[in-house]
Amino acid sequence: MGRPHPSPWVRRLFIGLGLAALALAVLGVFLPVLPTTPFVLLAAALFARGSARLHHHLRHHKIFGPIIQDWEEHRSMPPGVKPWAFTLLAISFAASIYAVESTPLRLVLAVLGLILALFLRRVPVRALTPEENARREASA
């Protein structure tokens, strides 16, 4: 991805923001309204500019690593993921909007959901490599 910034103060800022993004990603695992993947990717990008060691650690993490590696290598989503992402996005935001009683908060959630849906719509879907196709067929 990128190289760590030459300034130690800026690197510390990137590391701090990366830790905050990673904390939001972990919260997103448990809270339906917080998306996990965008925060993981943001944390990886921030760590790439703040600390090669932290970026490497996150990139090789058992759970988050494959998401980051796939995005850094292809800048796209594998086939079949986008419909699931839209479905989970719709369900989680609908449930959150239903659960909240405040009309202004409902509007904020609706706008946030719409922004995420528009972003998701713009992410390209890539074709599977022959190896990925073989793995998918073998597991089916």
N, C-alpha and C. Protein backbone atom coordinates (compact mmCIF):
# COMPACT_ATOMS: atom_id res chain seq x y z
N MET A 1 0.85 -1.18 0.00
CA MET A 1 0.00 0.00 0.00
C MET A 1 0.89 1.24 0.00
N GLY A 2 0.94 2.02 1.06
CA GLY A 2 1.77 3.22 1.09
C GLY A 2 2.95 3.03 2.02
N ARG A 3 3.84 3.99 1.98
CA ARG A 3 4.98 3.98 2.90
C ARG A 3 4.63 4.78 4.14
N PRO A 4 5.23 4.44 5.28
CA PRO A 4 5.02 5.28 6.46
C PRO A 4 5.48 6.72 6.19
N HIS A 5 4.73 7.64 6.73
CA HIS A 5 5.03 9.07 6.55
C HIS A 5 6.37 9.40 7.20
N PRO A 6 7.15 10.32 6.60
CA PRO A 6 8.46 10.64 7.18
C PRO A 6 8.39 11.33 8.55
N SER A 7 7.31 12.04 8.84
CA SER A 7 7.21 12.76 10.10
C SER A 7 6.72 11.84 11.22
N PRO A 8 7.45 11.77 12.35
CA PRO A 8 7.00 10.92 13.46
C PRO A 8 5.66 11.37 14.03
N TRP A 9 5.39 12.67 14.02
CA TRP A 9 4.11 13.16 14.55
C TRP A 9 2.95 12.74 13.66
N VAL A 10 3.15 12.81 12.38
CA VAL A 10 2.10 12.40 11.44
C VAL A 10 1.90 10.89 11.52
N ARG A 11 3.00 10.13 11.66
CA ARG A 11 2.87 8.68 11.82
C ARG A 11 2.05 8.34 13.05
N ARG A 12 2.30 9.06 14.16
CA ARG A 12 1.52 8.82 15.38
C ARG A 12 0.04 9.13 15.16
N LEU A 13 -0.23 10.19 14.42
CA LEU A 13 -1.62 10.55 14.10
C LEU A 13 -2.27 9.43 13.29
N PHE A 14 -1.57 8.93 12.26
CA PHE A 14 -2.10 7.84 11.45
C PHE A 14 -2.34 6.59 12.29
N ILE A 15 -1.42 6.29 13.19
CA ILE A 15 -1.58 5.11 14.06
C ILE A 15 -2.79 5.29 14.97
N GLY A 16 -2.93 6.47 15.57
CA GLY A 16 -4.08 6.72 16.44
C GLY A 16 -5.40 6.62 15.69
N LEU A 17 -5.46 7.21 14.50
CA LEU A 17 -6.68 7.11 13.68
C LEU A 17 -6.92 5.67 13.24
N GLY A 18 -5.84 4.94 12.95
CA GLY A 18 -5.97 3.53 12.57
C GLY A 18 -6.52 2.69 13.71
N LEU A 19 -6.05 2.96 14.93
CA LEU A 19 -6.56 2.23 16.09
C LEU A 19 -8.05 2.55 16.32
N ALA A 20 -8.42 3.82 16.12
CA ALA A 20 -9.83 4.19 16.26
C ALA A 20 -10.69 3.49 15.20
N ALA A 21 -10.20 3.45 13.96
CA ALA A 21 -10.94 2.76 12.90
C ALA A 21 -11.05 1.26 13.19
N LEU A 22 -9.97 0.68 13.71
CA LEU A 22 -10.00 -0.75 14.04
C LEU A 22 -10.98 -1.01 15.19
N ALA A 23 -11.03 -0.11 16.17
CA ALA A 23 -11.98 -0.26 17.27
C ALA A 23 -13.42 -0.21 16.73
N LEU A 24 -13.68 0.70 15.80
CA LEU A 24 -15.01 0.77 15.19
C LEU A 24 -15.32 -0.50 14.39
N ALA A 25 -14.31 -1.06 13.73
CA ALA A 25 -14.51 -2.31 12.99
C ALA A 25 -14.89 -3.44 13.93
N VAL A 26 -14.19 -3.52 15.06
CA VAL A 26 -14.50 -4.57 16.04
C VAL A 26 -15.92 -4.36 16.60
N LEU A 27 -16.27 -3.13 16.89
CA LEU A 27 -17.64 -2.84 17.34
C LEU A 27 -18.66 -3.23 16.27
N GLY A 28 -18.28 -3.01 15.01
CA GLY A 28 -19.16 -3.36 13.90
C GLY A 28 -19.47 -4.84 13.81
N VAL A 29 -18.61 -5.66 14.37
CA VAL A 29 -18.88 -7.10 14.39
C VAL A 29 -20.12 -7.37 15.26
N PHE A 30 -20.30 -6.57 16.30
CA PHE A 30 -21.37 -6.80 17.26
C PHE A 30 -22.58 -5.88 17.08
N LEU A 31 -22.37 -4.70 16.50
CA LEU A 31 -23.46 -3.75 16.33
C LEU A 31 -23.90 -3.72 14.87
N PRO A 32 -25.18 -3.97 14.62
CA PRO A 32 -25.62 -4.10 13.23
C PRO A 32 -25.50 -2.83 12.40
N VAL A 33 -25.52 -1.66 13.01
CA VAL A 33 -25.50 -0.43 12.22
C VAL A 33 -24.09 -0.02 11.79
N LEU A 34 -23.06 -0.57 12.45
CA LEU A 34 -21.68 -0.23 12.09
C LEU A 34 -21.13 -1.24 11.09
N PRO A 35 -20.70 -0.76 9.93
CA PRO A 35 -20.11 -1.70 8.96
C PRO A 35 -18.68 -2.06 9.36
N THR A 36 -18.34 -3.30 9.30
CA THR A 36 -17.01 -3.75 9.72
C THR A 36 -15.96 -3.54 8.63
N THR A 37 -16.25 -4.01 7.43
CA THR A 37 -15.25 -4.02 6.36
C THR A 37 -14.69 -2.64 6.02
N PRO A 38 -15.51 -1.60 5.85
CA PRO A 38 -14.90 -0.29 5.54
C PRO A 38 -13.95 0.20 6.63
N PHE A 39 -14.27 -0.06 7.89
CA PHE A 39 -13.39 0.37 8.97
C PHE A 39 -12.10 -0.45 9.01
N VAL A 40 -12.17 -1.73 8.66
CA VAL A 40 -10.96 -2.55 8.58
C VAL A 40 -10.06 -2.03 7.47
N LEU A 41 -10.66 -1.73 6.31
CA LEU A 41 -9.88 -1.21 5.19
C LEU A 41 -9.29 0.16 5.51
N LEU A 42 -10.06 1.00 6.20
CA LEU A 42 -9.56 2.31 6.61
C LEU A 42 -8.39 2.15 7.58
N ALA A 43 -8.53 1.25 8.55
CA ALA A 43 -7.45 1.01 9.51
C ALA A 43 -6.19 0.53 8.79
N ALA A 44 -6.35 -0.36 7.82
CA ALA A 44 -5.18 -0.85 7.08
C ALA A 44 -4.50 0.28 6.31
N ALA A 45 -5.29 1.15 5.69
CA ALA A 45 -4.71 2.27 4.94
C ALA A 45 -3.99 3.23 5.89
N LEU A 46 -4.58 3.50 7.04
CA LEU A 46 -3.94 4.39 8.01
C LEU A 46 -2.68 3.78 8.59
N PHE A 47 -2.71 2.48 8.89
CA PHE A 47 -1.52 1.81 9.41
C PHE A 47 -0.42 1.78 8.35
N ALA A 48 -0.78 1.67 7.08
CA ALA A 48 0.22 1.66 6.02
C ALA A 48 1.01 2.97 6.00
N ARG A 49 0.37 4.07 6.36
CA ARG A 49 1.04 5.37 6.40
C ARG A 49 1.67 5.66 7.77
N GLY A 50 1.24 4.90 8.80
CA GLY A 50 1.75 5.16 10.14
C GLY A 50 2.76 4.15 10.65
N SER A 51 2.59 2.87 10.30
CA SER A 51 3.46 1.84 10.84
C SER A 51 3.42 0.60 9.94
N ALA A 52 4.54 0.31 9.31
CA ALA A 52 4.61 -0.89 8.46
C ALA A 52 4.35 -2.15 9.29
N ARG A 53 4.80 -2.15 10.54
CA ARG A 53 4.61 -3.32 11.41
C ARG A 53 3.13 -3.56 11.70
N LEU A 54 2.40 -2.49 12.06
CA LEU A 54 0.97 -2.64 12.34
C LEU A 54 0.19 -3.02 11.08
N HIS A 55 0.58 -2.43 9.94
CA HIS A 55 -0.09 -2.77 8.68
C HIS A 55 0.14 -4.25 8.37
N HIS A 56 1.37 -4.70 8.52
CA HIS A 56 1.69 -6.11 8.27
C HIS A 56 0.90 -7.02 9.21
N HIS A 57 0.84 -6.65 10.48
CA HIS A 57 0.11 -7.47 11.46
C HIS A 57 -1.37 -7.55 11.10
N LEU A 58 -1.98 -6.43 10.75
CA LEU A 58 -3.40 -6.43 10.39
C LEU A 58 -3.63 -7.17 9.08
N ARG A 59 -2.72 -7.01 8.13
CA ARG A 59 -2.86 -7.67 6.82
C ARG A 59 -2.75 -9.19 6.95
N HIS A 60 -2.08 -9.66 7.97
CA HIS A 60 -1.92 -11.10 8.16
C HIS A 60 -2.76 -11.64 9.31
N HIS A 61 -3.71 -10.83 9.78
CA HIS A 61 -4.62 -11.26 10.84
C HIS A 61 -5.52 -12.37 10.30
N LYS A 62 -5.83 -13.32 11.16
CA LYS A 62 -6.62 -14.49 10.76
C LYS A 62 -8.00 -14.10 10.20
N ILE A 63 -8.66 -13.13 10.81
CA ILE A 63 -10.01 -12.75 10.38
C ILE A 63 -9.99 -11.57 9.40
N PHE A 64 -9.27 -10.50 9.77
CA PHE A 64 -9.30 -9.30 8.95
C PHE A 64 -8.34 -9.34 7.76
N GLY A 65 -7.31 -10.15 7.85
CA GLY A 65 -6.29 -10.20 6.80
C GLY A 65 -6.81 -10.49 5.40
N PRO A 66 -7.63 -11.54 5.22
CA PRO A 66 -8.11 -11.83 3.87
C PRO A 66 -8.91 -10.67 3.24
N ILE A 67 -9.66 -9.93 4.05
CA ILE A 67 -10.42 -8.79 3.53
C ILE A 67 -9.44 -7.75 2.98
N ILE A 68 -8.40 -7.45 3.75
CA ILE A 68 -7.43 -6.42 3.36
C ILE A 68 -6.63 -6.88 2.15
N GLN A 69 -6.15 -8.11 2.17
CA GLN A 69 -5.36 -8.62 1.06
C GLN A 69 -6.16 -8.62 -0.23
N ASP A 70 -7.42 -9.05 -0.16
CA ASP A 70 -8.26 -9.09 -1.35
C ASP A 70 -8.47 -7.68 -1.90
N TRP A 71 -8.72 -6.71 -1.01
CA TRP A 71 -8.95 -5.34 -1.46
C TRP A 71 -7.66 -4.74 -2.04
N GLU A 72 -6.52 -4.95 -1.36
CA GLU A 72 -5.27 -4.37 -1.84
C GLU A 72 -4.83 -4.98 -3.17
N GLU A 73 -5.14 -6.25 -3.39
CA GLU A 73 -4.72 -6.91 -4.63
C GLU A 73 -5.67 -6.63 -5.79
N HIS A 74 -6.97 -6.54 -5.53
CA HIS A 74 -7.94 -6.47 -6.63
C HIS A 74 -8.74 -5.17 -6.68
N ARG A 75 -8.84 -4.44 -5.57
CA ARG A 75 -9.67 -3.23 -5.50
C ARG A 75 -11.10 -3.50 -5.98
N SER A 76 -11.59 -4.68 -5.62
CA SER A 76 -12.94 -5.07 -6.02
C SER A 76 -13.46 -6.14 -5.07
N MET A 77 -14.73 -6.51 -5.27
CA MET A 77 -15.36 -7.54 -4.46
C MET A 77 -15.46 -8.83 -5.27
N PRO A 78 -15.33 -9.97 -4.60
CA PRO A 78 -15.55 -11.22 -5.33
C PRO A 78 -17.02 -11.37 -5.70
N PRO A 79 -17.32 -12.13 -6.74
CA PRO A 79 -18.71 -12.32 -7.15
C PRO A 79 -19.54 -12.94 -6.04
N GLY A 80 -20.78 -12.51 -5.95
CA GLY A 80 -21.70 -13.05 -4.96
C GLY A 80 -21.69 -12.33 -3.63
N VAL A 81 -20.69 -11.50 -3.37
CA VAL A 81 -20.60 -10.81 -2.09
C VAL A 81 -21.50 -9.57 -2.06
N LYS A 82 -21.59 -8.88 -3.18
CA LYS A 82 -22.34 -7.63 -3.21
C LYS A 82 -23.83 -7.83 -2.87
N PRO A 83 -24.52 -8.84 -3.41
CA PRO A 83 -25.92 -9.02 -3.00
C PRO A 83 -26.08 -9.27 -1.50
N TRP A 84 -25.15 -10.05 -0.93
CA TRP A 84 -25.18 -10.29 0.52
C TRP A 84 -24.94 -9.00 1.28
N ALA A 85 -24.02 -8.20 0.80
CA ALA A 85 -23.70 -6.94 1.47
C ALA A 85 -24.92 -6.01 1.45
N PHE A 86 -25.58 -5.90 0.30
CA PHE A 86 -26.78 -5.07 0.21
C PHE A 86 -27.89 -5.58 1.13
N THR A 87 -28.05 -6.89 1.17
CA THR A 87 -29.10 -7.48 2.03
C THR A 87 -28.82 -7.21 3.50
N LEU A 88 -27.59 -7.46 3.94
CA LEU A 88 -27.25 -7.22 5.34
C LEU A 88 -27.31 -5.73 5.68
N LEU A 89 -26.91 -4.89 4.75
CA LEU A 89 -26.99 -3.44 4.96
C LEU A 89 -28.45 -3.02 5.15
N ALA A 90 -29.33 -3.51 4.28
CA ALA A 90 -30.75 -3.15 4.37
C ALA A 90 -31.37 -3.66 5.67
N ILE A 91 -31.08 -4.90 6.03
CA ILE A 91 -31.66 -5.47 7.25
C ILE A 91 -31.16 -4.72 8.49
N SER A 92 -29.85 -4.49 8.55
CA SER A 92 -29.31 -3.85 9.76
C SER A 92 -29.79 -2.41 9.89
N PHE A 93 -29.84 -1.67 8.80
CA PHE A 93 -30.31 -0.28 8.90
C PHE A 93 -31.81 -0.22 9.14
N ALA A 94 -32.57 -1.11 8.53
CA ALA A 94 -34.02 -1.12 8.77
C ALA A 94 -34.31 -1.44 10.24
N ALA A 95 -33.61 -2.42 10.79
CA ALA A 95 -33.81 -2.78 12.20
C ALA A 95 -33.39 -1.63 13.11
N SER A 96 -32.31 -0.97 12.79
CA SER A 96 -31.84 0.16 13.61
C SER A 96 -32.82 1.33 13.54
N ILE A 97 -33.30 1.63 12.35
CA ILE A 97 -34.25 2.73 12.19
C ILE A 97 -35.55 2.41 12.93
N TYR A 98 -35.96 1.16 12.88
CA TYR A 98 -37.18 0.74 13.58
C TYR A 98 -36.99 0.83 15.09
N ALA A 99 -35.82 0.48 15.58
CA ALA A 99 -35.57 0.42 17.03
C ALA A 99 -35.41 1.81 17.66
N VAL A 100 -35.04 2.79 16.87
CA VAL A 100 -34.80 4.14 17.40
C VAL A 100 -36.11 4.93 17.39
N GLU A 101 -36.34 5.68 18.46
CA GLU A 101 -37.57 6.46 18.55
C GLU A 101 -37.41 7.89 18.05
N SER A 102 -36.21 8.38 18.02
CA SER A 102 -35.94 9.77 17.63
C SER A 102 -36.00 9.93 16.11
N THR A 103 -36.86 10.83 15.64
CA THR A 103 -36.98 11.07 14.20
C THR A 103 -35.69 11.62 13.60
N PRO A 104 -35.02 12.59 14.24
CA PRO A 104 -33.75 13.05 13.66
C PRO A 104 -32.70 11.93 13.54
N LEU A 105 -32.65 11.06 14.56
CA LEU A 105 -31.70 9.95 14.50
C LEU A 105 -32.09 8.97 13.40
N ARG A 106 -33.37 8.75 13.21
CA ARG A 106 -33.82 7.88 12.11
C ARG A 106 -33.39 8.46 10.76
N LEU A 107 -33.49 9.77 10.62
CA LEU A 107 -33.07 10.40 9.37
C LEU A 107 -31.56 10.27 9.16
N VAL A 108 -30.79 10.44 10.23
CA VAL A 108 -29.34 10.27 10.14
C VAL A 108 -29.00 8.84 9.72
N LEU A 109 -29.66 7.87 10.33
CA LEU A 109 -29.42 6.47 9.97
C LEU A 109 -29.80 6.21 8.52
N ALA A 110 -30.92 6.76 8.08
CA ALA A 110 -31.35 6.56 6.69
C ALA A 110 -30.34 7.16 5.71
N VAL A 111 -29.85 8.36 6.01
CA VAL A 111 -28.87 9.00 5.14
C VAL A 111 -27.57 8.21 5.14
N LEU A 112 -27.12 7.78 6.31
CA LEU A 112 -25.90 6.98 6.40
C LEU A 112 -26.04 5.68 5.61
N GLY A 113 -27.19 5.02 5.75
CA GLY A 113 -27.44 3.79 5.00
C GLY A 113 -27.43 4.03 3.50
N LEU A 114 -28.01 5.14 3.07
CA LEU A 114 -28.02 5.49 1.65
C LEU A 114 -26.61 5.75 1.14
N ILE A 115 -25.82 6.48 1.92
CA ILE A 115 -24.42 6.75 1.52
C ILE A 115 -23.64 5.45 1.39
N LEU A 116 -23.80 4.56 2.37
CA LEU A 116 -23.10 3.27 2.30
C LEU A 116 -23.56 2.44 1.11
N ALA A 117 -24.86 2.47 0.83
CA ALA A 117 -25.38 1.72 -0.33
C ALA A 117 -24.82 2.28 -1.64
N LEU A 118 -24.73 3.61 -1.74
CA LEU A 118 -24.17 4.22 -2.95
C LEU A 118 -22.69 3.88 -3.10
N PHE A 119 -21.96 3.88 -1.99
CA PHE A 119 -20.55 3.49 -2.04
C PHE A 119 -20.43 2.03 -2.48
N LEU A 120 -21.23 1.17 -1.88
CA LEU A 120 -21.20 -0.25 -2.20
C LEU A 120 -21.53 -0.49 -3.67
N ARG A 121 -22.45 0.27 -4.18
CA ARG A 121 -22.86 0.14 -5.59
C ARG A 121 -21.69 0.44 -6.52
N ARG A 122 -20.81 1.35 -6.11
CA ARG A 122 -19.69 1.77 -6.96
C ARG A 122 -18.52 0.79 -6.93
N VAL A 123 -18.46 -0.08 -5.94
CA VAL A 123 -17.34 -1.03 -5.85
C VAL A 123 -17.50 -2.08 -6.95
N PRO A 124 -16.48 -2.25 -7.78
CA PRO A 124 -16.60 -3.23 -8.87
C PRO A 124 -16.58 -4.67 -8.36
N VAL A 125 -17.19 -5.54 -9.15
CA VAL A 125 -17.17 -6.98 -8.88
C VAL A 125 -16.16 -7.58 -9.85
N ARG A 126 -15.24 -8.36 -9.32
CA ARG A 126 -14.21 -8.94 -10.17
C ARG A 126 -14.56 -10.37 -10.56
N ALA A 127 -13.97 -10.81 -11.63
CA ALA A 127 -14.12 -12.20 -12.04
C ALA A 127 -13.21 -13.06 -11.17
N LEU A 128 -13.65 -14.27 -10.92
CA LEU A 128 -12.83 -15.20 -10.14
C LEU A 128 -11.67 -15.70 -10.98
N THR A 129 -10.54 -15.91 -10.30
CA THR A 129 -9.39 -16.52 -10.98
C THR A 129 -9.70 -18.01 -11.17
N PRO A 130 -8.99 -18.69 -12.07
CA PRO A 130 -9.22 -20.14 -12.24
C PRO A 130 -9.03 -20.92 -10.93
N GLU A 131 -8.07 -20.50 -10.10
CA GLU A 131 -7.85 -21.18 -8.82
C GLU A 131 -9.04 -21.00 -7.88
N GLU A 132 -9.56 -19.75 -7.84
CA GLU A 132 -10.73 -19.49 -6.99
C GLU A 132 -11.96 -20.25 -7.49
N ASN A 133 -12.10 -20.32 -8.80
CA ASN A 133 -13.21 -21.08 -9.40
C ASN A 133 -13.11 -22.55 -9.02
N ALA A 134 -11.91 -23.12 -9.09
CA ALA A 134 -11.72 -24.53 -8.74
C ALA A 134 -12.03 -24.77 -7.26
N ARG A 135 -11.59 -23.85 -6.38
CA ARG A 135 -11.88 -23.99 -4.95
C ARG A 135 -13.38 -23.91 -4.69
N ARG A 136 -14.05 -22.98 -5.37
CA ARG A 136 -15.49 -22.81 -5.17
C ARG A 136 -16.24 -24.05 -5.63
N GLU A 137 -15.83 -24.62 -6.77
CA GLU A 137 -16.50 -25.81 -7.29
C GLU A 137 -16.21 -27.03 -6.40
N ALA A 138 -15.01 -27.10 -5.84
CA ALA A 138 -14.65 -28.23 -4.98
C ALA A 138 -15.43 -28.20 -3.67
N SER A 139 -15.74 -27.00 -3.18
CA SER A 139 -16.44 -26.90 -1.90
C SER A 139 -17.95 -27.04 -2.07
N ALA A 140 -18.44 -26.94 -3.29
CA ALA A 140 -19.89 -27.03 -3.52
C ALA A 140 -20.38 -28.45 -3.60
